[in-house]
Amino acid sequence: MKETLVALITIIFLFCGSARAADKIRVGVPQQVVHWMVFPLAQKKGFFKEEGFDAEIVRITGPSGRSALVSGEIDYYTTIAFMIQSQILGLPAKLMAAYVTCPPFVLMSRPEFKSGQDLKGKTVGIGAPPGSSPDIIARLALRHLGLNAEKDVKFVFLNSHERTFLALEQGLFAAGLIPPPFDYQGKKLGLNSLVRADEFFTYPEDGIIASLKKIKEKPDEIKHVIRAGIKANRYIRTEREGTIQFLMEWQKVNRDTATANYDGAVRVFNDDGSVPEAGLRLIIDEAKKTAKVEREVSLNDVADLSILREAQKELGIKGR
């Protein structure tokens, strides 16, 4: 009788584990750029499976990602700044965690332009649309260099970081905001690194956005997704060779490019999924300007970090 009971309990546990492992979720990621690798890596390295999910990573950008989240076509989206602007305008969703303290963008200039002041009256290239995170980060970088971004320079938006770099290489721009590995390639060409965004402010961009419906109905699912992201970040921070190999496969690049991507970005991945308050406040303020919203918007209006704290506690992370 005792052996039968033990066998029955074992079968129940195995069944529950299989049922959990069959839970399918879809996570939207905008681009195959290095600072968006958290959840693709979590899928590849088995961290989603450890948390009981069969995860599908869907490449989807901006408005399409927002619509897919609201309709339930995807379960989570990862672009924080764009979604917070949408939340301010009424999107029923909240930020649950963040994994990147600031995208690893670098403002680089042609060899003849050696300081911010040299850029006055010149053209700056940005590989994303007006009002996007790269646009905002470029303006903040120029402000850090003592320039008035609205008056001192002209912007050209190319909707591609690669095209921005190529135009900068060809001398079509005086400066451009570019992510790894283009900073590495630019340095070899003699371009000047004027400022690295992550060295002077926080601007959390890769994280988890969940609908209010999901938060109400499946908080435990959200907690395990958060845990998978934290595990991925810890892997990124400690497993250089494994992460470089992943980048080679995910981005379909050679080892030199993957290494430049990793070395240029590893410092922006946190180890606990926390959301830097100053950075979130900055995103809110910039989103209000873009959306032309004057009312006060609190951190709690756009973020719910209670489930993150539960996940951190379970992983032995002390609260901040």
Protein backbone atom coordinates (compact mmCIF):
# COMPACT_ATOMS: atom_id res chain seq x y z
CA MET A 1 0.00 0.00 0.00
CA LYS A 2 2.82 2.37 0.92
CA GLU A 3 4.68 1.59 -2.33
CA THR A 4 1.48 2.20 -4.31
CA LEU A 5 0.98 5.59 -2.64
CA VAL A 6 4.58 6.61 -3.37
CA ALA A 7 4.19 5.56 -7.01
CA LEU A 8 0.94 7.50 -7.28
CA ILE A 9 2.53 10.65 -5.86
CA THR A 10 5.47 10.28 -8.26
CA ILE A 11 3.10 10.00 -11.23
CA ILE A 12 1.21 13.10 -10.07
CA PHE A 13 4.44 15.10 -9.82
CA LEU A 14 5.57 13.93 -13.24
CA PHE A 15 2.20 14.79 -14.74
CA CYS A 16 2.20 18.25 -13.17
CA GLY A 17 5.73 18.86 -14.37
CA SER A 18 4.83 17.84 -17.90
CA ALA A 19 1.72 19.99 -17.84
CA ARG A 20 3.74 22.97 -16.64
CA ALA A 21 6.41 22.38 -19.24
CA ALA A 22 3.71 22.49 -21.92
CA ASP A 23 2.62 26.02 -20.96
CA LYS A 24 3.24 28.11 -24.06
CA ILE A 25 4.01 31.81 -24.03
CA ARG A 26 4.96 34.29 -26.74
CA VAL A 27 7.41 37.11 -26.03
CA GLY A 28 7.76 40.02 -28.42
CA VAL A 29 11.27 41.35 -29.11
CA PRO A 30 11.77 44.27 -31.53
CA GLN A 31 15.21 43.65 -33.04
CA GLN A 32 18.20 41.31 -33.07
CA VAL A 33 20.35 44.00 -31.47
CA VAL A 34 22.61 43.01 -28.59
CA HIS A 35 20.66 44.69 -25.77
CA TRP A 36 17.52 42.76 -26.78
CA MET A 37 19.12 39.36 -26.32
CA VAL A 38 17.80 38.60 -22.80
CA PHE A 39 14.75 36.53 -23.71
CA PRO A 40 16.12 34.96 -26.91
CA LEU A 41 19.06 33.76 -24.79
CA ALA A 42 16.69 32.60 -22.03
CA GLN A 43 14.95 30.47 -24.64
CA LYS A 44 18.17 29.11 -26.16
CA LYS A 45 19.84 28.27 -22.84
CA GLY A 46 16.81 26.59 -21.32
CA PHE A 47 15.90 29.14 -18.65
CA PHE A 48 12.30 29.31 -19.84
CA LYS A 49 12.08 25.52 -19.68
CA GLU A 50 13.46 25.61 -16.13
CA GLU A 51 10.58 27.93 -15.24
CA GLY A 52 8.01 25.66 -16.90
CA PHE A 53 7.48 27.33 -20.28
CA ASP A 54 7.65 26.53 -23.94
CA ALA A 55 8.52 30.06 -25.07
CA GLU A 56 8.32 31.44 -28.57
CA ILE A 57 10.26 34.61 -29.33
CA VAL A 58 8.40 36.80 -31.83
CA ARG A 59 10.20 39.59 -33.66
CA ILE A 60 7.74 42.46 -33.71
CA THR A 61 8.23 46.21 -33.45
CA GLY A 62 6.51 49.29 -32.02
CA PRO A 63 2.79 49.70 -32.76
CA SER A 64 2.48 46.10 -33.95
CA GLY A 65 3.89 44.85 -30.63
CA ARG A 66 1.51 47.07 -28.71
CA SER A 67 -1.49 45.79 -30.67
CA ALA A 68 -0.37 42.18 -30.28
CA LEU A 69 -0.05 42.60 -26.51
CA VAL A 70 -3.52 44.08 -26.15
CA SER A 71 -5.12 41.43 -28.36
CA GLY A 72 -3.32 38.58 -26.60
CA GLU A 73 -1.38 37.50 -29.69
CA ILE A 74 1.74 37.85 -27.57
CA ASP A 75 1.92 37.48 -23.79
CA TYR A 76 4.72 39.96 -23.11
CA TYR A 77 6.51 42.77 -24.88
CA THR A 78 9.97 44.08 -24.12
CA THR A 79 10.30 47.69 -25.36
CA ILE A 80 9.89 49.81 -22.26
CA ALA A 81 10.03 53.42 -23.49
CA PHE A 82 7.57 53.03 -26.37
CA MET A 83 5.12 51.08 -24.23
CA ILE A 84 5.25 53.59 -21.38
CA GLN A 85 4.32 56.34 -23.81
CA SER A 86 1.39 54.14 -24.86
CA GLN A 87 0.46 53.52 -21.21
CA ILE A 88 0.35 57.24 -20.56
CA LEU A 89 -2.13 57.47 -23.43
CA GLY A 90 -4.29 54.70 -21.97
CA LEU A 91 -2.72 51.34 -22.84
CA PRO A 92 -3.89 48.83 -20.15
CA ALA A 93 -0.45 47.44 -19.31
CA LYS A 94 2.41 47.87 -16.85
CA LEU A 95 6.15 47.44 -16.62
CA MET A 96 7.04 44.40 -14.49
CA ALA A 97 10.86 44.25 -14.64
CA ALA A 98 13.86 45.66 -16.51
CA TYR A 99 17.05 43.93 -17.59
CA VAL A 100 19.08 46.66 -19.30
CA THR A 101 20.07 49.80 -17.39
CA CYS A 102 20.62 51.77 -20.62
CA PRO A 103 21.07 50.74 -24.25
CA PRO A 104 24.82 50.68 -25.02
CA PHE A 105 24.68 53.47 -27.58
CA VAL A 106 27.75 55.55 -28.39
CA LEU A 107 27.76 58.99 -29.97
CA MET A 108 30.63 58.80 -32.45
CA SER A 109 31.97 61.54 -34.72
CA ARG A 110 34.13 61.77 -37.80
CA PRO A 111 37.88 62.11 -37.07
CA GLU A 112 37.84 65.87 -37.69
CA PHE A 113 35.19 66.49 -35.02
CA LYS A 114 36.85 65.94 -31.67
CA SER A 115 34.37 67.48 -29.20
CA GLY A 116 30.72 68.24 -28.74
CA GLN A 117 31.24 71.88 -29.58
CA ASP A 118 32.65 70.85 -32.97
CA LEU A 119 29.20 69.50 -33.86
CA LYS A 120 27.46 72.89 -33.79
CA GLY A 121 25.66 73.42 -37.07
CA LYS A 122 26.40 69.85 -38.18
CA THR A 123 24.26 66.79 -38.94
CA VAL A 124 23.78 63.85 -36.57
CA GLY A 125 22.48 60.51 -37.81
CA ILE A 126 20.09 58.32 -35.82
CA GLY A 127 19.07 54.81 -36.83
CA ALA A 128 15.49 55.02 -35.55
CA PRO A 129 12.39 57.22 -35.99
CA PRO A 130 11.85 60.61 -34.28
CA GLY A 131 10.62 60.17 -30.71
CA SER A 132 12.19 56.73 -30.38
CA SER A 133 14.59 55.74 -27.61
CA PRO A 134 17.70 56.29 -29.79
CA ASP A 135 16.38 59.75 -30.69
CA ILE A 136 15.88 60.65 -27.02
CA ILE A 137 19.23 59.15 -26.00
CA ALA A 138 21.02 61.11 -28.74
CA ARG A 139 19.50 64.36 -27.51
CA LEU A 140 20.47 63.55 -23.92
CA ALA A 141 24.01 62.71 -25.05
CA LEU A 142 24.30 66.03 -26.88
CA ARG A 143 22.94 67.84 -23.84
CA HIS A 144 25.60 66.10 -21.76
CA LEU A 145 28.19 67.54 -24.17
CA GLY A 146 26.85 71.06 -23.63
CA LEU A 147 24.78 71.36 -26.81
CA ASN A 148 21.17 72.33 -27.36
CA ALA A 149 19.94 69.41 -29.44
CA GLU A 150 16.96 71.38 -30.75
CA LYS A 151 19.05 74.32 -31.99
CA ASP A 152 22.68 73.34 -32.42
CA VAL A 153 22.44 70.30 -34.72
CA LYS A 154 20.32 68.81 -37.50
CA PHE A 155 19.07 65.23 -37.21
CA VAL A 156 18.66 62.69 -40.00
CA PHE A 157 16.67 59.53 -39.21
CA LEU A 158 17.52 56.42 -41.23
CA ASN A 159 15.59 53.69 -39.37
CA SER A 160 18.68 51.49 -39.41
CA HIS A 161 21.76 51.52 -37.20
CA GLU A 162 23.77 49.88 -39.96
CA ARG A 163 22.83 52.56 -42.48
CA THR A 164 23.65 55.24 -39.92
CA PHE A 165 27.11 53.77 -39.46
CA LEU A 166 27.71 53.45 -43.20
CA ALA A 167 26.65 57.06 -43.75
CA LEU A 168 28.96 58.16 -40.94
CA GLU A 169 31.79 56.13 -42.47
CA GLN A 170 31.20 57.81 -45.84
CA GLY A 171 31.28 61.28 -44.28
CA LEU A 172 27.60 62.06 -44.84
CA PHE A 173 27.16 62.92 -41.14
CA ALA A 174 29.43 64.64 -38.67
CA ALA A 175 28.30 62.25 -35.93
CA GLY A 176 25.93 59.37 -35.34
CA LEU A 177 24.43 57.43 -32.46
CA ILE A 178 25.35 53.77 -32.90
CA PRO A 179 25.25 50.56 -30.86
CA PRO A 180 27.84 47.77 -30.71
CA PRO A 181 29.51 46.44 -32.80
CA PHE A 182 29.57 49.65 -34.88
CA ASP A 183 31.46 51.49 -32.13
CA TYR A 184 34.20 48.87 -32.38
CA GLN A 185 34.27 49.15 -36.17
CA GLY A 186 34.22 52.94 -35.95
CA LYS A 187 37.19 53.03 -33.63
CA LYS A 188 39.20 51.02 -36.16
CA LEU A 189 38.30 53.64 -38.78
CA GLY A 190 39.51 56.49 -36.58
CA LEU A 191 36.09 57.76 -35.50
CA ASN A 192 35.90 59.52 -32.14
CA SER A 193 33.82 58.19 -29.26
CA LEU A 194 32.35 61.36 -27.77
CA VAL A 195 30.14 59.82 -25.11
CA ARG A 196 28.72 56.44 -24.06
CA ALA A 197 25.12 56.81 -22.92
CA ASP A 198 25.31 54.21 -20.15
CA GLU A 199 28.21 56.04 -18.51
CA PHE A 200 26.18 59.08 -17.51
CA PHE A 201 22.50 58.11 -17.12
CA THR A 202 20.12 55.18 -16.81
CA TYR A 203 17.39 54.55 -19.37
CA PRO A 204 15.94 51.05 -18.84
CA GLU A 205 14.79 49.70 -22.19
CA ASP A 206 14.69 45.90 -22.35
CA GLY A 207 12.22 44.46 -19.83
CA ILE A 208 8.78 42.92 -19.38
CA ILE A 209 5.53 44.69 -20.19
CA ALA A 210 2.36 42.76 -19.31
CA SER A 211 -1.29 43.62 -19.84
CA LEU A 212 -3.43 44.42 -16.80
CA LYS A 213 -5.49 41.35 -17.69
CA LYS A 214 -2.39 39.16 -17.49
CA ILE A 215 -1.33 40.74 -14.18
CA LYS A 216 -4.75 40.04 -12.70
CA GLU A 217 -5.18 36.52 -14.04
CA LYS A 218 -1.66 35.05 -14.13
CA PRO A 219 0.69 36.71 -11.62
CA ASP A 220 2.52 33.41 -11.03
CA GLU A 221 3.26 33.10 -14.74
CA ILE A 222 4.69 36.62 -14.75
CA LYS A 223 6.88 35.77 -11.77
CA HIS A 224 8.41 32.79 -13.57
CA VAL A 225 8.99 34.83 -16.73
CA ILE A 226 10.79 37.43 -14.62
CA ARG A 227 12.92 34.66 -13.08
CA ALA A 228 13.87 33.38 -16.54
CA GLY A 229 15.04 36.87 -17.49
CA ILE A 230 17.12 37.24 -14.33
CA LYS A 231 18.76 33.87 -14.97
CA ALA A 232 19.55 34.94 -18.54
CA ASN A 233 21.14 38.18 -17.32
CA ARG A 234 23.28 36.33 -14.79
CA TYR A 235 24.44 34.03 -17.57
CA ILE A 236 25.28 37.00 -19.80
CA ARG A 237 27.29 38.64 -17.03
CA THR A 238 29.30 35.54 -16.08
CA GLU A 239 29.52 33.36 -19.21
CA ARG A 240 31.39 35.42 -21.77
CA GLU A 241 32.27 32.61 -24.17
CA GLY A 242 28.81 31.05 -24.06
CA THR A 243 27.15 34.39 -24.69
CA ILE A 244 29.48 35.21 -27.59
CA GLN A 245 28.64 31.84 -29.15
CA PHE A 246 24.94 32.60 -28.71
CA LEU A 247 25.33 35.99 -30.38
CA MET A 248 27.11 34.39 -33.33
CA GLU A 249 24.14 32.08 -33.88
CA TRP A 250 21.33 34.53 -33.05
CA GLN A 251 22.66 37.48 -35.01
CA LYS A 252 24.37 35.34 -37.67
CA VAL A 253 27.68 37.18 -37.28
CA ASN A 254 31.33 36.13 -37.05
CA ARG A 255 33.25 35.77 -33.80
CA ASP A 256 34.91 39.20 -33.99
CA THR A 257 31.56 40.95 -34.38
CA ALA A 258 29.92 38.89 -31.64
CA THR A 259 32.84 39.59 -29.31
CA ALA A 260 32.61 43.33 -30.02
CA ASN A 261 28.87 43.16 -29.35
CA TYR A 262 29.40 41.41 -26.04
CA ASP A 263 32.28 43.54 -24.79
CA GLY A 264 30.48 46.74 -25.76
CA ALA A 265 27.26 45.82 -23.98
CA VAL A 266 27.86 43.39 -21.10
CA ARG A 267 27.98 46.14 -18.45
CA VAL A 268 24.40 47.30 -19.18
CA PHE A 269 22.75 44.02 -18.13
CA ASN A 270 21.74 44.04 -14.46
CA ASP A 271 21.68 40.93 -12.27
CA ASP A 272 18.29 41.26 -10.59
CA GLY A 273 15.67 42.63 -12.99
CA SER A 274 15.39 45.87 -11.03
CA VAL A 275 14.08 49.10 -12.54
CA PRO A 276 16.29 52.16 -11.88
CA GLU A 277 13.96 54.84 -10.53
CA ALA A 278 15.81 57.78 -12.06
CA GLY A 279 15.86 56.13 -15.45
CA LEU A 280 12.16 55.28 -15.32
CA ARG A 281 11.37 58.85 -14.30
CA LEU A 282 13.39 60.07 -17.28
CA ILE A 283 11.44 57.80 -19.64
CA ILE A 284 8.14 59.02 -18.19
CA ASP A 285 9.11 62.67 -18.57
CA GLU A 286 10.26 62.20 -22.16
CA ALA A 287 7.14 60.17 -22.98
CA LYS A 288 4.95 62.95 -21.60
CA LYS A 289 6.68 65.46 -23.87
CA THR A 290 6.25 63.25 -26.93
CA ALA A 291 2.61 62.50 -26.10
CA LYS A 292 1.97 66.14 -25.10
CA VAL A 293 0.60 65.09 -21.71
CA GLU A 294 0.79 67.62 -18.88
CA ARG A 295 -0.75 65.70 -15.98
CA GLU A 296 1.43 64.14 -13.30
CA VAL A 297 2.39 60.52 -13.98
CA SER A 298 3.82 58.55 -11.05
CA LEU A 299 6.10 55.51 -11.22
CA ASN A 300 3.25 53.36 -9.91
CA ASP A 301 1.06 54.52 -12.79
CA VAL A 302 3.29 52.72 -15.27
CA ALA A 303 5.03 50.00 -13.21
CA ASP A 304 4.02 47.20 -10.84
CA LEU A 305 7.14 45.80 -9.19
CA SER A 306 5.45 43.67 -6.53
CA ILE A 307 5.80 40.45 -8.55
CA LEU A 308 9.45 41.29 -9.30
CA ARG A 309 10.13 41.52 -5.58
CA GLU A 310 8.59 38.06 -5.08
CA ALA A 311 10.81 36.63 -7.83
CA GLN A 312 13.89 38.30 -6.34
CA LYS A 313 13.08 36.88 -2.92
CA GLU A 314 12.74 33.37 -4.31
CA LEU A 315 16.12 33.71 -6.05
CA GLY A 316 17.77 34.96 -2.86
CA ILE A 317 18.16 38.54 -4.06
CA LYS A 318 18.02 41.15 -1.35
CA GLY A 319 15.57 43.98 -1.99
CA ARG A 320 16.88 47.41 -2.79
